[in-house]
Amino acid sequence: MNIFGIGLPEMAVIAAIGLLVFGPKRLPELGKTLGRTLKGFQSASRDFEQEFRRAIETESVTAETVSSETLVSAEVAVTETVATDSPASQQPAAPSAASESPPA
């Protein structure tokens, strides 16, 4: 058994020192407090990770929406430019049949 690079003999020595320093009545209380603290850190870490992932997903969706809107705007601008610059739109209108007939 190797936890954080600490083997069983080292853990026994740490437990014995803790028992001598804190006494048999306070040691279980300190263990519970340490366990709750670690559980709180895990919970906060998990919440932070979920919030971070949500922010990344929201940002990527926003970036995709902006890029697709930009693409549509660019296509519309190109279409309008092509329509106004085409040779058909620059030629003068053909005279109508009524203006070609001689006056009576």
PDB file of N, CA and C in Angstrom:
ATOM      1  N   MET A   1       0.854  -1.170   0.000  1.00  0.00           N
ATOM      2  CA  MET A   1       0.000   0.000   0.000  1.00  0.00           C
ATOM      3  C   MET A   1       0.907   1.243   0.000  1.00  0.00           C
ATOM      4  N   ASN A   2       0.697   2.094  -1.008  1.00  0.00           N
ATOM      5  CA  ASN A   2       1.553   3.260  -1.171  1.00  0.00           C
ATOM      6  C   ASN A   2       0.671   4.458  -1.514  1.00  0.00           C
ATOM      7  N   ILE A   3       0.456   5.335  -0.562  1.00  0.00           N
ATOM      8  CA  ILE A   3      -0.396   6.498  -0.765  1.00  0.00           C
ATOM      9  C   ILE A   3       0.483   7.747  -0.708  1.00  0.00           C
ATOM     10  N   PHE A   4       0.493   8.509  -1.802  1.00  0.00           N
ATOM     11  CA  PHE A   4       1.285   9.734  -1.899  1.00  0.00           C
ATOM     12  C   PHE A   4       2.761   9.470  -1.632  1.00  0.00           C
ATOM     13  N   GLY A   5       3.246   8.290  -2.009  1.00  0.00           N
ATOM     14  CA  GLY A   5       4.641   7.960  -1.799  1.00  0.00           C
ATOM     15  C   GLY A   5       4.961   7.586  -0.364  1.00  0.00           C
ATOM     16  N   ILE A   6       3.916   7.375   0.452  1.00  0.00           N
ATOM     17  CA  ILE A   6       4.120   7.010   1.857  1.00  0.00           C
ATOM     18  C   ILE A   6       3.678   5.557   2.023  1.00  0.00           C
ATOM     19  N   GLY A   7       4.560   4.724   2.525  1.00  0.00           N
ATOM     20  CA  GLY A   7       4.253   3.318   2.725  1.00  0.00           C
ATOM     21  C   GLY A   7       3.566   3.077   4.058  1.00  0.00           C
ATOM     22  N   LEU A   8       3.281   1.809   4.344  1.00  0.00           N
ATOM     23  CA  LEU A   8       2.592   1.428   5.574  1.00  0.00           C
ATOM     24  C   LEU A   8       3.402   1.757   6.837  1.00  0.00           C
ATOM     25  N   PRO A   9       4.712   1.507   6.852  1.00  0.00           N
ATOM     26  CA  PRO A   9       5.467   1.860   8.075  1.00  0.00           C
ATOM     27  C   PRO A   9       5.463   3.360   8.364  1.00  0.00           C
ATOM     28  N   GLU A  10       5.578   4.167   7.320  1.00  0.00           N
ATOM     29  CA  GLU A  10       5.564   5.617   7.527  1.00  0.00           C
ATOM     30  C   GLU A  10       4.208   6.089   8.041  1.00  0.00           C
ATOM     31  N   MET A  11       3.135   5.487   7.511  1.00  0.00           N
ATOM     32  CA  MET A  11       1.791   5.861   7.968  1.00  0.00           C
ATOM     33  C   MET A  11       1.593   5.486   9.433  1.00  0.00           C
ATOM     34  N   ALA A  12       2.153   4.357   9.859  1.00  0.00           N
ATOM     35  CA  ALA A  12       2.043   3.935  11.256  1.00  0.00           C
ATOM     36  C   ALA A  12       2.781   4.921  12.172  1.00  0.00           C
ATOM     37  N   VAL A  13       3.930   5.377  11.746  1.00  0.00           N
ATOM     38  CA  VAL A  13       4.686   6.347  12.540  1.00  0.00           C
ATOM     39  C   VAL A  13       3.915   7.665  12.640  1.00  0.00           C
ATOM     40  N   ILE A  14       3.341   8.123  11.537  1.00  0.00           N
ATOM     41  CA  ILE A  14       2.566   9.379  11.550  1.00  0.00           C
ATOM     42  C   ILE A  14       1.351   9.235  12.455  1.00  0.00           C
ATOM     43  N   ALA A  15       0.660   8.088  12.397  1.00  0.00           N
ATOM     44  CA  ALA A  15      -0.502   7.857  13.263  1.00  0.00           C
ATOM     45  C   ALA A  15      -0.096   7.841  14.730  1.00  0.00           C
ATOM     46  N   ALA A  16       1.035   7.222  15.050  1.00  0.00           N
ATOM     47  CA  ALA A  16       1.500   7.172  16.443  1.00  0.00           C
ATOM     48  C   ALA A  16       1.836   8.567  16.950  1.00  0.00           C
ATOM     49  N   ILE A  17       2.497   9.365  16.128  1.00  0.00           N
ATOM     50  CA  ILE A  17       2.819  10.745  16.529  1.00  0.00           C
ATOM     51  C   ILE A  17       1.536  11.552  16.708  1.00  0.00           C
ATOM     52  N   GLY A  18       0.585  11.386  15.806  1.00  0.00           N
ATOM     53  CA  GLY A  18      -0.696  12.084  15.932  1.00  0.00           C
ATOM     54  C   GLY A  18      -1.429  11.687  17.190  1.00  0.00           C
ATOM     55  N   LEU A  19      -1.386  10.395  17.528  1.00  0.00           N
ATOM     56  CA  LEU A  19      -2.029   9.916  18.749  1.00  0.00           C
ATOM     57  C   LEU A  19      -1.383  10.530  19.979  1.00  0.00           C
ATOM     58  N   LEU A  20      -0.056  10.634  19.983  1.00  0.00           N
ATOM     59  CA  LEU A  20       0.646  11.240  21.119  1.00  0.00           C
ATOM     60  C   LEU A  20       0.370  12.739  21.240  1.00  0.00           C
ATOM     61  N   VAL A  21       0.330  13.430  20.101  1.00  0.00           N
ATOM     62  CA  VAL A  21       0.161  14.885  20.126  1.00  0.00           C
ATOM     63  C   VAL A  21      -1.279  15.269  20.464  1.00  0.00           C
ATOM     64  N   PHE A  22      -2.253  14.660  19.785  1.00  0.00           N
ATOM     65  CA  PHE A  22      -3.649  15.084  19.930  1.00  0.00           C
ATOM     66  C   PHE A  22      -4.437  14.254  20.942  1.00  0.00           C
ATOM     67  N   GLY A  23      -3.997  13.075  21.263  1.00  0.00           N
ATOM     68  CA  GLY A  23      -4.702  12.244  22.231  1.00  0.00           C
ATOM     69  C   GLY A  23      -5.762  11.391  21.550  1.00  0.00           C
ATOM     70  N   PRO A  24      -6.200  10.343  22.228  1.00  0.00           N
ATOM     71  CA  PRO A  24      -7.141   9.405  21.627  1.00  0.00           C
ATOM     72  C   PRO A  24      -8.546   9.976  21.447  1.00  0.00           C
ATOM     73  N   LYS A  25      -8.919  11.006  22.186  1.00  0.00           N
ATOM     74  CA  LYS A  25     -10.276  11.560  22.069  1.00  0.00           C
ATOM     75  C   LYS A  25     -10.401  12.523  20.882  1.00  0.00           C
ATOM     76  N   ARG A  26      -9.368  13.284  20.609  1.00  0.00           N
ATOM     77  CA  ARG A  26      -9.438  14.284  19.528  1.00  0.00           C
ATOM     78  C   ARG A  26      -9.048  13.731  18.169  1.00  0.00           C
ATOM     79  N   LEU A  27      -8.342  12.619  18.116  1.00  0.00           N
ATOM     80  CA  LEU A  27      -7.867  12.079  16.840  1.00  0.00           C
ATOM     81  C   LEU A  27      -9.011  11.707  15.889  1.00  0.00           C
ATOM     82  N   PRO A  28     -10.079  11.023  16.335  1.00  0.00           N
ATOM     83  CA  PRO A  28     -11.194  10.739  15.415  1.00  0.00           C
ATOM     84  C   PRO A  28     -11.889  12.024  14.928  1.00  0.00           C
ATOM     85  N   GLU A  29     -11.997  12.992  15.815  1.00  0.00           N
ATOM     86  CA  GLU A  29     -12.609  14.276  15.433  1.00  0.00           C
ATOM     87  C   GLU A  29     -11.782  14.972  14.354  1.00  0.00           C
ATOM     88  N   LEU A  30     -10.461  14.965  14.506  1.00  0.00           N
ATOM     89  CA  LEU A  30      -9.586  15.567  13.503  1.00  0.00           C
ATOM     90  C   LEU A  30      -9.668  14.808  12.177  1.00  0.00           C
ATOM     91  N   GLY A  31      -9.796  13.478  12.243  1.00  0.00           N
ATOM     92  CA  GLY A  31      -9.944  12.679  11.027  1.00  0.00           C
ATOM     93  C   GLY A  31     -11.218  13.035  10.277  1.00  0.00           C
ATOM     94  N   LYS A  32     -12.331  13.195  11.019  1.00  0.00           N
ATOM     95  CA  LYS A  32     -13.603  13.582  10.391  1.00  0.00           C
ATOM     96  C   LYS A  32     -13.493  14.960   9.750  1.00  0.00           C
ATOM     97  N   THR A  33     -12.883  15.867  10.468  1.00  0.00           N
ATOM     98  CA  THR A  33     -12.721  17.228   9.943  1.00  0.00           C
ATOM     99  C   THR A  33     -11.863  17.227   8.677  1.00  0.00           C
ATOM    100  N   LEU A  34     -10.783  16.476   8.700  1.00  0.00           N
ATOM    101  CA  LEU A  34      -9.921  16.376   7.519  1.00  0.00           C
ATOM    102  C   LEU A  34     -10.675  15.757   6.340  1.00  0.00           C
ATOM    103  N   GLY A  35     -11.465  14.710   6.619  1.00  0.00           N
ATOM    104  CA  GLY A  35     -12.262  14.075   5.569  1.00  0.00           C
ATOM    105  C   GLY A  35     -13.277  15.026   4.961  1.00  0.00           C
ATOM    106  N   ARG A  36     -13.963  15.788   5.801  1.00  0.00           N
ATOM    107  CA  ARG A  36     -14.949  16.763   5.294  1.00  0.00           C
ATOM    108  C   ARG A  36     -14.264  17.851   4.469  1.00  0.00           C
ATOM    109  N   THR A  37     -13.103  18.283   4.913  1.00  0.00           N
ATOM    110  CA  THR A  37     -12.363  19.308   4.175  1.00  0.00           C
ATOM    111  C   THR A  37     -11.958  18.804   2.798  1.00  0.00           C
ATOM    112  N   LEU A  38     -11.428  17.578   2.746  1.00  0.00           N
ATOM    113  CA  LEU A  38     -11.042  17.009   1.443  1.00  0.00           C
ATOM    114  C   LEU A  38     -12.253  16.820   0.540  1.00  0.00           C
ATOM    115  N   LYS A  39     -13.379  16.392   1.117  1.00  0.00           N
ATOM    116  CA  LYS A  39     -14.600  16.224   0.325  1.00  0.00           C
ATOM    117  C   LYS A  39     -15.073  17.583  -0.218  1.00  0.00           C
ATOM    118  N   GLY A  40     -14.967  18.625   0.597  1.00  0.00           N
ATOM    119  CA  GLY A  40     -15.338  19.976   0.142  1.00  0.00           C
ATOM    120  C   GLY A  40     -14.448  20.444  -0.994  1.00  0.00           C
ATOM    121  N   PHE A  41     -13.142  20.165  -0.903  1.00  0.00           N
ATOM    122  CA  PHE A  41     -12.224  20.536  -1.988  1.00  0.00           C
ATOM    123  C   PHE A  41     -12.559  19.780  -3.269  1.00  0.00           C
ATOM    124  N   GLN A  42     -12.882  18.499  -3.141  1.00  0.00           N
ATOM    125  CA  GLN A  42     -13.247  17.709  -4.324  1.00  0.00           C
ATOM    126  C   GLN A  42     -14.504  18.268  -4.966  1.00  0.00           C
ATOM    127  N   SER A  43     -15.495  18.598  -4.145  1.00  0.00           N
ATOM    128  CA  SER A  43     -16.750  19.146  -4.663  1.00  0.00           C
ATOM    129  C   SER A  43     -16.520  20.483  -5.367  1.00  0.00           C
ATOM    130  N   ALA A  44     -15.743  21.347  -4.743  1.00  0.00           N
ATOM    131  CA  ALA A  44     -15.449  22.652  -5.350  1.00  0.00           C
ATOM    132  C   ALA A  44     -14.668  22.485  -6.641  1.00  0.00           C
ATOM    133  N   SER A  45     -13.743  21.550  -6.655  1.00  0.00           N
ATOM    134  CA  SER A  45     -12.958  21.287  -7.862  1.00  0.00           C
ATOM    135  C   SER A  45     -13.850  20.772  -8.981  1.00  0.00           C
ATOM    136  N   ARG A  46     -14.763  19.864  -8.656  1.00  0.00           N
ATOM    137  CA  ARG A  46     -15.688  19.316  -9.651  1.00  0.00           C
ATOM    138  C   ARG A  46     -16.601  20.421 -10.205  1.00  0.00           C
ATOM    139  N   ASP A  47     -17.127  21.266  -9.312  1.00  0.00           N
ATOM    140  CA  ASP A  47     -17.982  22.369  -9.747  1.00  0.00           C
ATOM    141  C   ASP A  47     -17.223  23.334 -10.653  1.00  0.00           C
ATOM    142  N   PHE A  48     -15.986  23.650 -10.281  1.00  0.00           N
ATOM    143  CA  PHE A  48     -15.169  24.547 -11.102  1.00  0.00           C
ATOM    144  C   PHE A  48     -14.925  23.950 -12.475  1.00  0.00           C
ATOM    145  N   GLU A  49     -14.625  22.653 -12.518  1.00  0.00           N
ATOM    146  CA  GLU A  49     -14.369  21.986 -13.800  1.00  0.00           C
ATOM    147  C   GLU A  49     -15.620  21.998 -14.679  1.00  0.00           C
ATOM    148  N   GLN A  50     -16.792  21.729 -14.089  1.00  0.00           N
ATOM    149  CA  GLN A  50     -18.031  21.752 -14.863  1.00  0.00           C
ATOM    150  C   GLN A  50     -18.319  23.152 -15.391  1.00  0.00           C
ATOM    151  N   GLU A  51     -18.125  24.156 -14.567  1.00  0.00           N
ATOM    152  CA  GLU A  51     -18.354  25.542 -14.999  1.00  0.00           C
ATOM    153  C   GLU A  51     -17.385  25.930 -16.114  1.00  0.00           C
ATOM    154  N   PHE A  52     -16.149  25.500 -15.987  1.00  0.00           N
ATOM    155  CA  PHE A  52     -15.144  25.781 -17.001  1.00  0.00           C
ATOM    156  C   PHE A  52     -15.521  25.117 -18.329  1.00  0.00           C
ATOM    157  N   ARG A  53     -15.948  23.871 -18.275  1.00  0.00           N
ATOM    158  CA  ARG A  53     -16.365  23.161 -19.500  1.00  0.00           C
ATOM    159  C   ARG A  53     -17.576  23.838 -20.137  1.00  0.00           C
ATOM    160  N   ARG A  54     -18.535  24.265 -19.296  1.00  0.00           N
ATOM    161  CA  ARG A  54     -19.714  24.962 -19.824  1.00  0.00           C
ATOM    162  C   ARG A  54     -19.321  26.264 -20.518  1.00  0.00           C
ATOM    163  N   ALA A  55     -18.386  26.994 -19.928  1.00  0.00           N
ATOM    164  CA  ALA A  55     -17.941  28.247 -20.530  1.00  0.00           C
ATOM    165  C   ALA A  55     -17.251  27.995 -21.870  1.00  0.00           C
ATOM    166  N   ILE A  56     -16.453  26.945 -21.946  1.00  0.00           N
ATOM    167  CA  ILE A  56     -15.783  26.609 -23.212  1.00  0.00           C
ATOM    168  C   ILE A  56     -16.801  26.225 -24.269  1.00  0.00           C
ATOM    169  N   GLU A  57     -17.805  25.397 -23.890  1.00  0.00           N
ATOM    170  CA  GLU A  57     -18.830  24.990 -24.857  1.00  0.00           C
ATOM    171  C   GLU A  57     -19.636  26.193 -25.329  1.00  0.00           C
ATOM    172  N   THR A  58     -19.989  27.085 -24.409  1.00  0.00           N
ATOM    173  CA  THR A  58     -20.745  28.285 -24.776  1.00  0.00           C
ATOM    174  C   THR A  58     -19.932  29.162 -25.716  1.00  0.00           C
ATOM    175  N   GLU A  59     -18.651  29.309 -25.432  1.00  0.00           N
ATOM    176  CA  GLU A  59     -17.779  30.127 -26.269  1.00  0.00           C
ATOM    177  C   GLU A  59     -17.633  29.529 -27.660  1.00  0.00           C
ATOM    178  N   SER A  60     -17.505  28.203 -27.742  1.00  0.00           N
ATOM    179  CA  SER A  60     -17.347  27.576 -29.054  1.00  0.00           C
ATOM    180  C   SER A  60     -18.625  27.695 -29.863  1.00  0.00           C
ATOM    181  N   VAL A  61     -19.804  27.580 -29.218  1.00  0.00           N
ATOM    182  CA  VAL A  61     -21.075  27.740 -29.927  1.00  0.00           C
ATOM    183  C   VAL A  61     -21.212  29.176 -30.403  1.00  0.00           C
ATOM    184  N   THR A  62     -20.826  30.136 -29.561  1.00  0.00           N
ATOM    185  CA  THR A  62     -20.892  31.548 -29.942  1.00  0.00           C
ATOM    186  C   THR A  62     -19.954  31.828 -31.114  1.00  0.00           C
ATOM    187  N   ALA A  63     -18.759  31.261 -31.069  1.00  0.00           N
ATOM    188  CA  ALA A  63     -17.797  31.472 -32.153  1.00  0.00           C
ATOM    189  C   ALA A  63     -18.316  30.870 -33.452  1.00  0.00           C
ATOM    190  N   GLU A  64     -18.941  29.700 -33.398  1.00  0.00           N
ATOM    191  CA  GLU A  64     -19.508  29.085 -34.604  1.00  0.00           C
ATOM    192  C   GLU A  64     -20.639  29.933 -35.154  1.00  0.00           C
ATOM    193  N   THR A  65     -21.481  30.471 -34.279  1.00  0.00           N
ATOM    194  CA  THR A  65     -22.597  31.306 -34.715  1.00  0.00           C
ATOM    195  C   THR A  65     -22.077  32.578 -35.372  1.00  0.00           C
ATOM    196  N   VAL A  66     -21.094  33.212 -34.752  1.00  0.00           N
ATOM    197  CA  VAL A  66     -20.532  34.439 -35.304  1.00  0.00           C
ATOM    198  C   VAL A  66     -19.881  34.169 -36.651  1.00  0.00           C
ATOM    199  N   SER A  67     -19.136  33.077 -36.768  1.00  0.00           N
ATOM    200  CA  SER A  67     -18.466  32.792 -38.038  1.00  0.00           C
ATOM    201  C   SER A  67     -19.482  32.465 -39.130  1.00  0.00           C
ATOM    202  N   SER A  68     -20.578  31.767 -38.782  1.00  0.00           N
ATOM    203  CA  SER A  68     -21.585  31.474 -39.804  1.00  0.00           C
ATOM    204  C   SER A  68     -22.335  32.743 -40.196  1.00  0.00           C
ATOM    205  N   GLU A  69     -22.597  33.644 -39.241  1.00  0.00           N
ATOM    206  CA  GLU A  69     -23.245  34.917 -39.564  1.00  0.00           C
ATOM    207  C   GLU A  69     -22.325  35.773 -40.426  1.00  0.00           C
ATOM    208  N   THR A  70     -21.055  35.764 -40.136  1.00  0.00           N
ATOM    209  CA  THR A  70     -20.089  36.513 -40.934  1.00  0.00           C
ATOM    210  C   THR A  70     -20.037  35.959 -42.347  1.00  0.00           C
ATOM    211  N   LEU A  71     -20.069  34.638 -42.472  1.00  0.00           N
ATOM    212  CA  LEU A  71     -20.053  34.006 -43.778  1.00  0.00           C
ATOM    213  C   LEU A  71     -21.288  34.386 -44.572  1.00  0.00           C
ATOM    214  N   VAL A  72     -22.458  34.379 -43.948  1.00  0.00           N
ATOM    215  CA  VAL A  72     -23.697  34.757 -44.633  1.00  0.00           C
ATOM    216  C   VAL A  72     -23.631  36.221 -45.046  1.00  0.00           C
ATOM    217  N   SER A  73     -23.142  37.098 -44.167  1.00  0.00           N
ATOM    218  CA  SER A  73     -23.018  38.522 -44.491  1.00  0.00           C
ATOM    219  C   SER A  73     -22.067  38.726 -45.664  1.00  0.00           C
ATOM    220  N   ALA A  74     -20.978  37.991 -45.690  1.00  0.00           N
ATOM    221  CA  ALA A  74     -20.019  38.107 -46.788  1.00  0.00           C
ATOM    222  C   ALA A  74     -20.636  37.629 -48.092  1.00  0.00           C
ATOM    223  N   GLU A  75     -21.417  36.545 -48.049  1.00  0.00           N
ATOM    224  CA  GLU A  75     -22.072  36.057 -49.264  1.00  0.00           C
ATOM    225  C   GLU A  75     -23.073  37.070 -49.791  1.00  0.00           C
ATOM    226  N   VAL A  76     -23.833  37.690 -48.889  1.00  0.00           N
ATOM    227  CA  VAL A  76     -24.811  38.706 -49.297  1.00  0.00           C
ATOM    228  C   VAL A  76     -24.083  39.892 -49.921  1.00  0.00           C
ATOM    229  N   ALA A  77     -22.980  40.340 -49.326  1.00  0.00           N
ATOM    230  CA  ALA A  77     -22.229  41.470 -49.852  1.00  0.00           C
ATOM    231  C   ALA A  77     -21.659  41.153 -51.225  1.00  0.00           C
ATOM    232  N   VAL A  78     -21.136  39.942 -51.396  1.00  0.00           N
ATOM    233  CA  VAL A  78     -20.592  39.544 -52.697  1.00  0.00           C
ATOM    234  C   VAL A  78     -21.695  39.487 -53.726  1.00  0.00           C
ATOM    235  N   THR A  79     -22.846  38.927 -53.354  1.00  0.00           N
ATOM    236  CA  THR A  79     -23.976  38.837 -54.285  1.00  0.00           C
ATOM    237  C   THR A  79     -24.437  40.225 -54.697  1.00  0.00           C
ATOM    238  N   GLU A  80     -24.539  41.159 -53.755  1.00  0.00           N
ATOM    239  CA  GLU A  80     -24.961  42.519 -54.077  1.00  0.00           C
ATOM    240  C   GLU A  80     -23.933  43.204 -54.970  1.00  0.00           C
ATOM    241  N   THR A  81     -22.653  42.990 -54.700  1.00  0.00           N
ATOM    242  CA  THR A  81     -21.599  43.593 -55.512  1.00  0.00           C
ATOM    243  C   THR A  81     -21.637  43.044 -56.930  1.00  0.00           C
ATOM    244  N   VAL A  82     -21.798  41.755 -57.068  1.00  0.00           N
ATOM    245  CA  VAL A  82     -21.855  41.136 -58.394  1.00  0.00           C
ATOM    246  C   VAL A  82     -23.080  41.633 -59.145  1.00  0.00           C
ATOM    247  N   ALA A  83     -24.214  41.786 -58.479  1.00  0.00           N
ATOM    248  CA  ALA A  83     -25.438  42.238 -59.132  1.00  0.00           C
ATOM    249  C   ALA A  83     -25.296  43.677 -59.612  1.00  0.00           C
ATOM    250  N   THR A  84     -24.645  44.543 -58.859  1.00  0.00           N
ATOM    251  CA  THR A  84     -24.521  45.947 -59.263  1.00  0.00           C
ATOM    252  C   THR A  84     -23.404  46.152 -60.274  1.00  0.00           C
ATOM    253  N   ASP A  85     -22.403  45.270 -60.299  1.00  0.00           N
ATOM    254  CA  ASP A  85     -21.282  45.402 -61.212  1.00  0.00           C
ATOM    255  C   ASP A  85     -21.458  44.599 -62.503  1.00  0.00           C
ATOM    256  N   SER A  86     -22.536  43.875 -62.641  1.00  0.00           N
ATOM    257  CA  SER A  86     -22.694  43.035 -63.835  1.00  0.00           C
ATOM    258  C   SER A  86     -22.919  43.913 -65.072  1.00  0.00           C
ATOM    259  N   PRO A  87     -22.472  43.451 -66.249  1.00  0.00           N
ATOM    260  CA  PRO A  87     -22.634  44.246 -67.465  1.00  0.00           C
ATOM    261  C   PRO A  87     -24.094  44.520 -67.815  1.00  0.00           C
ATOM    262  N   ALA A  88     -24.991  43.649 -67.489  1.00  0.00           N
ATOM    263  CA  ALA A  88     -26.404  43.845 -67.805  1.00  0.00           C
ATOM    264  C   ALA A  88     -26.967  45.051 -67.072  1.00  0.00           C
ATOM    265  N   SER A  89     -26.501  45.280 -65.859  1.00  0.00           N
ATOM    266  CA  SER A  89     -27.025  46.411 -65.102  1.00  0.00           C
ATOM    267  C   SER A  89     -26.380  47.726 -65.547  1.00  0.00           C
ATOM    268  N   GLN A  90     -25.224  47.668 -66.239  1.00  0.00           N
ATOM    269  CA  GLN A  90     -24.556  48.889 -66.671  1.00  0.00           C
ATOM    270  C   GLN A  90     -24.965  49.324 -68.073  1.00  0.00           C
ATOM    271  N   GLN A  91     -25.633  48.471 -68.859  1.00  0.00           N
ATOM    272  CA  GLN A  91     -26.052  48.856 -70.218  1.00  0.00           C
ATOM    273  C   GLN A  91     -27.281  49.734 -70.126  1.00  0.00           C
ATOM    274  N   PRO A  92     -27.374  50.710 -71.037  1.00  0.00           N
ATOM    275  CA  PRO A  92     -28.577  51.552 -71.012  1.00  0.00           C
ATOM    276  C   PRO A  92     -29.790  50.723 -71.408  1.00  0.00           C
ATOM    277  N   ALA A  93     -30.908  51.137 -70.921  1.00  0.00           N
ATOM    278  CA  ALA A  93     -32.138  50.410 -71.220  1.00  0.00           C
ATOM    279  C   ALA A  93     -32.457  50.545 -72.701  1.00  0.00           C
ATOM    280  N   ALA A  94     -32.963  49.461 -73.269  1.00  0.00           N
ATOM    281  CA  ALA A  94     -33.354  49.480 -74.693  1.00  0.00           C
ATOM    282  C   ALA A  94     -34.556  50.398 -74.855  1.00  0.00           C
ATOM    283  N   PRO A  95     -34.594  51.156 -75.971  1.00  0.00           N
ATOM    284  CA  PRO A  95     -35.753  52.042 -76.175  1.00  0.00           C
ATOM    285  C   PRO A  95     -37.014  51.210 -76.348  1.00  0.00           C
ATOM    286  N   SER A  96     -38.110  51.738 -75.866  1.00  0.00           N
ATOM    287  CA  SER A  96     -39.379  51.009 -75.959  1.00  0.00           C
ATOM    288  C   SER A  96     -39.951  51.154 -77.348  1.00  0.00           C
ATOM    289  N   ALA A  97     -40.855  50.311 -77.707  1.00  0.00           N
ATOM    290  CA  ALA A  97     -41.483  50.308 -79.045  1.00  0.00           C
ATOM    291  C   ALA A  97     -42.251  51.586 -79.302  1.00  0.00           C
ATOM    292  N   ALA A  98     -42.828  52.171 -78.297  1.00  0.00           N
ATOM    293  CA  ALA A  98     -43.632  53.388 -78.491  1.00  0.00           C
ATOM    294  C   ALA A  98     -42.734  54.576 -78.854  1.00  0.00           C
ATOM    295  N   SER A  99     -41.526  54.651 -78.362  1.00  0.00           N
ATOM    296  CA  SER A  99     -40.669  55.785 -78.669  1.00  0.00           C
ATOM    297  C   SER A  99     -39.996  55.627 -80.035  1.00  0.00           C
ATOM    298  N   GLU A 100     -39.971  54.409 -80.616  1.00  0.00           N
ATOM    299  CA  GLU A 100     -39.343  54.207 -81.915  1.00  0.00           C
ATOM    300  C   GLU A 100     -40.287  54.549 -83.079  1.00  0.00           C
ATOM    301  N   SER A 101     -41.537  54.525 -82.845  1.00  0.00           N
ATOM    302  CA  SER A 101     -42.458  54.803 -83.952  1.00  0.00           C
ATOM    303  C   SER A 101     -42.479  56.297 -84.233  1.00  0.00           C
ATOM    304  N   PRO A 102     -42.490  56.674 -85.537  1.00  0.00           N
ATOM    305  CA  PRO A 102     -42.493  58.108 -85.878  1.00  0.00           C
ATOM    306  C   PRO A 102     -43.805  58.764 -85.486  1.00  0.00           C
ATOM    307  N   PRO A 103     -43.739  60.001 -85.121  1.00  0.00           N
ATOM    308  CA  PRO A 103     -44.981  60.695 -84.754  1.00  0.00           C
ATOM    309  C   PRO A 103     -45.866  60.919 -85.975  1.00  0.00           C
ATOM    310  N   ALA A 104     -47.145  60.885 -85.839  1.00  0.00           N
ATOM    311  CA  ALA A 104     -48.081  61.029 -86.958  1.00  0.00           C
ATOM    312  C   ALA A 104     -48.513  62.427 -87.228  1.00  0.00           C
TER     313      ALA A 104
END
